[in-house]
């Protein structure tokens, strides 16, 4: 794979405040990177430096082999950027905006036509092309913002909350588009929607207080969850007490928690010691006692759990369990 973004020792200070603190990572062609962190962690500042809107205090950023500080115009030609809030010219129509963006980027007439046709088709905005942007819904405004980011077919696509304001169907369409484009681009997505990372990202970075605290693929991050390899059990309420007693009697189970209840059905979670696989002993113990269950499944782990643990640790806070109440322990 070809390295399209290379960040080394990136630091940004605003007076006494260090917004980004010695961050290094690279993104190859074909990767979709989820860029995660709490509010104020330094995500937007990092993106603004990569796109040339801010200068770094220390460190270097290269986009497609071009240094951001020395060759700002060269990197802007290769980047598509959707900033937070997608600021647009409200009195323009989507068509006028896309034509304006193509002119700024000095695209030829043929490239302008092809780029607009592609963006309009992929973002499904043909029915609002000649309507003032200020009259559009939040979802349509977001799609127009995405259209201007891809109209010139950039090699690096940087998106800040790309599905903000979209309904579930629109989110699905945008995620499919990102997956389709990922093969020939480097895509960086800053998002608070962790399900989006699981759906489209091949890799995830977490930063907190400007520091990089994790850089792994989503499945590996999930395996760091306290709930990795926990066993979920859905069963009638009448069976809960007996099942809890059985689970608490297993040395492989460190805690039993109620994670959900719908009418007369309860979902228990048997938390595994050290994340080890415990499905077989749990199933055998339940069967031996003749306890009827509706469903039993293995938890892969939860990104939200890992995110909270990592970022709370950096911020000096104590992470709290994200599942339901504990009803017993081994």
Protein backbone atom coordinates (compact mmCIF):
# COMPACT_ATOMS: atom_id res chain seq x y z
CA UNK A 1 0.00 0.00 0.00
CA UNK A 2 1.04 3.61 -0.60
CA UNK A 3 1.39 5.98 2.34
CA UNK A 4 -0.81 9.02 1.59
CA UNK A 5 -0.68 10.74 4.99
CA UNK A 6 2.37 10.79 7.24
CA UNK A 7 2.34 12.65 10.57
CA UNK A 8 5.47 12.78 12.73
CA UNK A 9 5.79 14.34 16.19
CA UNK A 10 2.86 16.71 15.61
CA UNK A 11 2.42 19.26 18.37
CA UNK A 12 0.17 22.33 18.48
CA UNK A 13 0.15 24.84 21.30
CA UNK A 14 -2.16 27.79 21.84
CA UNK A 15 -0.27 29.82 24.43
CA UNK A 16 -0.02 27.64 27.57
CA UNK A 17 -2.48 25.07 26.19
CA UNK A 18 -1.15 22.04 24.30
CA UNK A 19 -3.97 20.91 22.01
CA UNK A 20 -1.98 18.20 20.19
CA UNK A 21 0.94 16.57 21.98
CA UNK A 22 3.62 14.72 19.96
CA UNK A 23 1.22 12.68 17.79
CA UNK A 24 2.60 10.38 15.07
CA UNK A 25 0.77 8.09 12.66
CA UNK A 26 0.42 7.38 8.94
CA UNK A 27 -2.48 6.34 6.71
CA UNK A 28 -2.07 4.20 3.60
CA UNK A 29 -4.13 4.12 0.43
CA UNK A 30 -7.05 1.77 1.00
CA UNK A 31 -7.36 2.49 4.73
CA UNK A 32 -10.41 3.99 6.44
CA UNK A 33 -9.23 5.46 9.73
CA UNK A 34 -11.62 6.29 12.55
CA UNK A 35 -10.23 9.26 14.50
CA UNK A 36 -11.77 9.20 17.97
CA UNK A 37 -11.54 11.20 21.16
CA UNK A 38 -13.59 13.17 23.69
CA UNK A 39 -14.53 16.78 23.06
CA UNK A 40 -11.39 18.89 23.32
CA UNK A 41 -9.06 15.95 22.71
CA UNK A 42 -7.37 17.60 19.69
CA UNK A 43 -9.15 15.85 16.80
CA UNK A 44 -10.34 18.95 14.95
CA UNK A 45 -7.04 20.75 15.55
CA UNK A 46 -5.15 17.81 14.02
CA UNK A 47 -7.45 17.82 10.98
CA UNK A 48 -7.06 21.57 10.51
CA UNK A 49 -3.27 21.17 10.52
CA UNK A 50 -3.41 18.30 8.01
CA UNK A 51 -5.60 20.39 5.68
CA UNK A 52 -3.39 23.46 5.98
CA UNK A 53 -5.77 25.68 7.95
CA UNK A 54 -3.44 25.75 10.97
CA UNK A 55 0.35 25.59 11.24
CA UNK A 56 1.97 23.08 13.60
CA UNK A 57 4.06 24.27 16.52
CA UNK A 58 6.35 21.26 16.08
CA UNK A 59 6.50 18.17 13.90
CA UNK A 60 5.71 17.53 10.27
CA UNK A 61 2.77 16.50 8.09
CA UNK A 62 3.08 15.11 4.56
CA UNK A 63 0.14 14.50 2.22
CA UNK A 64 0.95 12.40 -0.85
CA UNK A 65 4.63 13.21 -0.30
CA UNK A 66 4.08 16.99 -0.03
CA UNK A 67 4.92 18.89 3.15
CA UNK A 68 1.91 20.82 4.47
CA UNK A 69 3.99 23.78 5.68
CA UNK A 70 6.10 24.17 2.51
CA UNK A 71 3.60 23.14 -0.17
CA UNK A 72 0.11 24.11 1.07
CA UNK A 73 -1.45 24.42 -2.38
CA UNK A 74 -0.15 21.02 -3.49
CA UNK A 75 -1.74 19.27 -0.51
CA UNK A 76 -5.05 21.13 -0.88
CA UNK A 77 -5.41 19.76 -4.42
CA UNK A 78 -5.16 16.24 -3.04
CA UNK A 79 -7.46 16.60 -0.05
CA UNK A 80 -11.24 16.56 0.21
CA UNK A 81 -12.37 18.10 3.49
CA UNK A 82 -15.71 18.17 5.27
CA UNK A 83 -15.25 20.32 8.39
CA UNK A 84 -17.41 20.12 11.48
CA UNK A 85 -20.79 21.74 10.83
CA UNK A 86 -20.19 21.79 7.05
CA UNK A 87 -20.24 25.60 6.62
CA UNK A 88 -21.83 26.41 3.27
CA UNK A 89 -22.92 29.52 1.37
CA UNK A 90 -26.63 29.63 2.20
CA UNK A 91 -27.64 31.84 -0.71
CA UNK A 92 -26.06 29.48 -3.26
CA UNK A 93 -27.74 26.44 -4.74
CA UNK A 94 -25.92 23.07 -4.50
CA UNK A 95 -25.19 23.24 -8.25
CA UNK A 96 -23.74 26.75 -7.96
CA UNK A 97 -21.62 25.68 -4.97
CA UNK A 98 -20.23 22.62 -6.75
CA UNK A 99 -19.41 24.67 -9.86
CA UNK A 100 -17.73 27.28 -7.64
CA UNK A 101 -15.64 24.62 -5.86
CA UNK A 102 -14.59 23.09 -9.18
CA UNK A 103 -13.55 26.53 -10.45
CA UNK A 104 -11.51 27.19 -7.29
CA UNK A 105 -9.80 23.85 -7.77
CA UNK A 106 -9.12 24.71 -11.43
CA UNK A 107 -10.78 21.60 -12.82
CA UNK A 108 -11.24 21.34 -16.58
CA UNK A 109 -14.74 21.54 -18.07
CA UNK A 110 -14.80 17.76 -18.56
CA UNK A 111 -13.55 17.04 -15.02
CA UNK A 112 -16.08 19.52 -13.62
CA UNK A 113 -18.95 17.81 -15.44
CA UNK A 114 -17.81 14.32 -14.42
CA UNK A 115 -17.13 15.33 -10.83
CA UNK A 116 -20.51 17.01 -10.35
CA UNK A 117 -22.38 14.12 -11.96
CA UNK A 118 -20.58 11.63 -9.70
CA UNK A 119 -21.12 13.63 -6.49
CA UNK A 120 -24.79 14.33 -7.26
CA UNK A 121 -25.50 10.68 -8.03
CA UNK A 122 -23.66 9.27 -5.01
CA UNK A 123 -25.13 11.73 -2.50
CA UNK A 124 -28.66 11.69 -4.01
CA UNK A 125 -29.06 15.47 -4.18
CA UNK A 126 -30.43 15.83 -7.73
CA UNK A 127 -33.87 16.89 -6.44
CA UNK A 128 -32.44 19.91 -4.54
CA UNK A 129 -29.73 21.03 -6.97
CA UNK A 130 -31.36 24.38 -7.73
CA UNK A 131 -32.80 25.12 -4.30
CA UNK A 132 -31.04 27.67 -2.02
CA UNK A 133 -28.88 25.81 0.47
CA UNK A 134 -30.26 27.83 3.39
CA UNK A 135 -33.69 26.28 2.74
CA UNK A 136 -32.42 22.69 2.87
CA UNK A 137 -32.81 20.31 5.80
CA UNK A 138 -29.80 19.53 7.99
CA UNK A 139 -29.45 16.14 6.30
CA UNK A 140 -29.38 17.63 2.79
CA UNK A 141 -26.91 20.30 3.87
CA UNK A 142 -24.63 17.56 5.16
CA UNK A 143 -24.90 15.68 1.87
CA UNK A 144 -24.09 18.83 -0.09
CA UNK A 145 -21.04 19.29 2.16
CA UNK A 146 -19.96 15.74 1.37
CA UNK A 147 -20.51 16.37 -2.35
CA UNK A 148 -18.10 19.33 -2.38
CA UNK A 149 -15.53 17.18 -0.56
CA UNK A 150 -15.51 14.44 -3.23
CA UNK A 151 -16.27 16.41 -6.40
CA UNK A 152 -12.56 16.63 -7.41
CA UNK A 153 -11.85 12.93 -6.67
CA UNK A 154 -9.22 13.59 -3.95
CA UNK A 155 -6.65 11.02 -2.88
CA UNK A 156 -7.13 11.87 0.81
CA UNK A 157 -10.61 12.39 2.24
CA UNK A 158 -10.95 13.98 5.69
CA UNK A 159 -14.43 14.01 7.18
CA UNK A 160 -15.49 15.52 10.50
CA UNK A 161 -18.75 13.84 11.66
CA UNK A 162 -19.81 12.96 8.08
CA UNK A 163 -23.21 11.44 9.01
CA UNK A 164 -24.25 14.10 11.51
CA UNK A 165 -27.90 14.96 10.91
CA UNK A 166 -28.58 12.07 8.52
CA UNK A 167 -31.42 9.61 9.02
CA UNK A 168 -30.59 5.86 9.29
CA UNK A 169 -31.12 5.24 5.54
CA UNK A 170 -28.90 8.19 4.60
CA UNK A 171 -26.21 7.04 7.06
CA UNK A 172 -26.23 3.62 5.42
CA UNK A 173 -25.84 5.17 1.96
CA UNK A 174 -22.93 7.37 3.06
CA UNK A 175 -21.19 4.42 4.75
CA UNK A 176 -21.55 2.38 1.57
CA UNK A 177 -20.06 5.28 -0.41
CA UNK A 178 -17.08 5.52 1.95
CA UNK A 179 -16.50 1.77 1.67
CA UNK A 180 -16.68 2.03 -2.13
CA UNK A 181 -14.18 4.90 -2.28
CA UNK A 182 -11.79 3.44 0.29
CA UNK A 183 -9.97 1.16 -2.16
CA UNK A 184 -8.23 4.03 -3.93
CA UNK A 185 -8.09 6.69 -1.22
CA UNK A 186 -7.01 7.26 2.34
CA UNK A 187 -10.13 8.16 4.33
CA UNK A 188 -10.01 9.71 7.81
CA UNK A 189 -13.27 10.01 9.73
CA UNK A 190 -13.60 11.95 12.96
CA UNK A 191 -16.75 10.77 14.69
CA UNK A 192 -18.46 10.27 18.05
CA UNK A 193 -20.62 7.50 16.56
CA UNK A 194 -18.76 4.34 17.54
CA UNK A 195 -21.04 2.10 15.45
CA UNK A 196 -19.74 4.02 12.44
CA UNK A 197 -16.21 2.93 13.27
CA UNK A 198 -17.33 -0.71 13.46
CA UNK A 199 -19.26 -0.35 10.18
CA UNK A 200 -16.69 1.26 7.88
CA UNK A 201 -13.27 1.69 9.51
CA UNK A 202 -10.36 -0.69 9.00
CA UNK A 203 -8.45 1.02 11.81
CA UNK A 204 -9.13 3.32 14.76
CA UNK A 205 -7.02 5.87 16.61
CA UNK A 206 -8.06 7.26 19.98
CA UNK A 207 -6.59 10.47 21.35
CA UNK A 208 -7.18 12.11 24.72
CA UNK A 209 -5.78 15.42 25.95
CA UNK A 210 -3.86 15.67 22.69
CA UNK A 211 -2.06 12.33 23.17
CA UNK A 212 -2.46 9.19 21.07
CA UNK A 213 -3.62 6.40 23.41
CA UNK A 214 -4.62 3.63 20.97
CA UNK A 215 -4.01 2.68 17.33
CA UNK A 216 -5.52 -0.68 16.31
CA UNK A 217 -8.18 -2.25 14.11
CA UNK A 218 -11.70 -2.12 15.62
CA UNK A 219 -11.86 -5.85 16.39
CA UNK A 220 -8.58 -5.74 18.31
CA UNK A 221 -9.79 -2.69 20.23
CA UNK A 222 -13.00 -4.51 21.08
CA UNK A 223 -10.95 -7.37 22.50
CA UNK A 224 -9.58 -4.91 25.10
CA UNK A 225 -13.09 -4.38 26.45
CA UNK A 226 -13.95 -5.60 29.94
CA UNK A 227 -16.82 -7.44 28.24
CA UNK A 228 -14.68 -9.29 25.67
CA UNK A 229 -15.83 -12.94 25.63
CA UNK A 230 -18.58 -12.23 28.17
CA UNK A 231 -21.55 -14.56 27.72
CA UNK A 232 -24.95 -13.03 27.10
CA UNK A 233 -27.93 -15.08 28.22
CA UNK A 234 -31.57 -14.19 27.46
CA UNK A 235 -34.00 -16.13 29.61
CA UNK A 236 -37.41 -15.92 31.32
CA UNK A 237 -37.46 -13.86 34.50
CA UNK A 238 -38.49 -16.93 36.47
CA UNK A 239 -35.12 -18.55 35.63
CA UNK A 240 -32.91 -15.56 36.54
CA UNK A 241 -32.25 -16.40 40.18
CA UNK A 242 -31.28 -20.01 39.46
CA UNK A 243 -29.11 -19.03 36.47
CA UNK A 244 -27.33 -16.31 38.45
CA UNK A 245 -26.51 -18.80 41.21
CA UNK A 246 -25.05 -21.23 38.68
CA UNK A 247 -22.94 -18.56 36.99
CA UNK A 248 -21.62 -17.21 40.29
CA UNK A 249 -20.46 -20.71 41.08
CA UNK A 250 -18.10 -20.83 38.09
CA UNK A 251 -14.48 -19.83 38.69
CA UNK A 252 -14.23 -18.56 35.10
CA UNK A 253 -16.94 -15.92 35.78
CA UNK A 254 -15.95 -12.78 37.68
CA UNK A 255 -19.36 -11.06 37.75
CA UNK A 256 -22.93 -11.47 36.59
CA UNK A 257 -24.77 -8.37 35.43
CA UNK A 258 -28.26 -7.59 34.23
CA UNK A 259 -27.86 -5.74 30.96
CA UNK A 260 -31.49 -5.54 29.78
CA UNK A 261 -35.06 -6.47 30.64
CA UNK A 262 -38.05 -6.48 28.29
CA UNK A 263 -41.33 -7.59 29.85
CA UNK A 264 -40.71 -11.05 31.30
CA UNK A 265 -37.38 -11.62 29.52
CA UNK A 266 -34.06 -10.70 31.12
CA UNK A 267 -30.59 -10.51 29.57
CA UNK A 268 -27.70 -11.46 31.83
CA UNK A 269 -24.01 -10.97 31.13
CA UNK A 270 -21.49 -13.36 32.64
CA UNK A 271 -18.20 -11.47 32.61
CA UNK A 272 -15.16 -13.58 31.76
CA UNK A 273 -12.02 -13.63 33.88
CA UNK A 274 -9.18 -12.05 31.87
CA UNK A 275 -11.29 -12.13 28.69
CA UNK A 276 -10.89 -15.89 28.26
CA UNK A 277 -13.41 -17.99 26.30
CA UNK A 278 -16.01 -19.38 28.71
CA UNK A 279 -18.92 -20.39 26.48
CA UNK A 280 -18.48 -24.16 26.93
CA UNK A 281 -18.33 -24.22 30.77
CA UNK A 282 -21.22 -21.73 31.02
CA UNK A 283 -23.41 -23.74 28.64
CA UNK A 284 -22.53 -27.03 30.38
CA UNK A 285 -23.35 -25.63 33.84
CA UNK A 286 -26.70 -24.24 32.71
CA UNK A 287 -27.66 -27.47 30.94
CA UNK A 288 -26.65 -29.54 33.99
CA UNK A 289 -29.14 -27.61 36.14
CA UNK A 290 -31.91 -27.91 33.53
CA UNK A 291 -32.26 -24.10 33.20
CA UNK A 292 -34.25 -23.03 30.14
CA UNK A 293 -32.74 -20.09 28.19
CA UNK A 294 -34.05 -18.35 25.08
CA UNK A 295 -30.63 -17.42 23.67
CA UNK A 296 -26.96 -17.58 24.57
CA UNK A 297 -24.24 -15.64 22.76
CA UNK A 298 -20.64 -14.42 23.04
CA UNK A 299 -19.85 -10.69 23.37
CA UNK A 300 -16.98 -9.52 21.14
CA UNK A 301 -16.54 -6.49 23.39
CA UNK A 302 -17.74 -2.91 23.13
CA UNK A 303 -15.81 -0.01 21.66
CA UNK A 304 -17.65 2.36 23.98
CA UNK A 305 -16.25 0.45 26.95
CA UNK A 306 -12.66 0.64 25.62
CA UNK A 307 -13.06 4.30 24.66
CA UNK A 308 -14.25 5.22 28.14
CA UNK A 309 -11.50 3.26 29.89
CA UNK A 310 -8.68 4.72 27.77
CA UNK A 311 -9.85 8.34 27.77
CA UNK A 312 -10.91 8.39 31.42
CA UNK A 313 -7.50 7.05 32.40
CA UNK A 314 -5.71 9.87 30.59
CA UNK A 315 -8.08 12.46 32.04
CA UNK A 316 -7.61 11.11 35.57
CA UNK A 317 -11.22 9.98 35.93
CA UNK A 318 -12.59 6.65 37.05
CA UNK A 319 -14.49 4.74 34.37
CA UNK A 320 -17.87 3.37 35.39
CA UNK A 321 -19.45 0.16 34.09
CA UNK A 322 -21.62 0.78 31.06
CA UNK A 323 -23.87 -2.23 31.48
CA UNK A 324 -26.70 -2.83 33.89
CA UNK A 325 -26.61 -3.57 37.60
CA UNK A 326 -24.42 -6.24 39.09
CA UNK A 327 -26.48 -9.01 40.65
CA UNK A 328 -23.70 -11.12 42.06
CA UNK A 329 -20.03 -11.99 41.81
CA UNK A 330 -17.83 -15.00 42.08
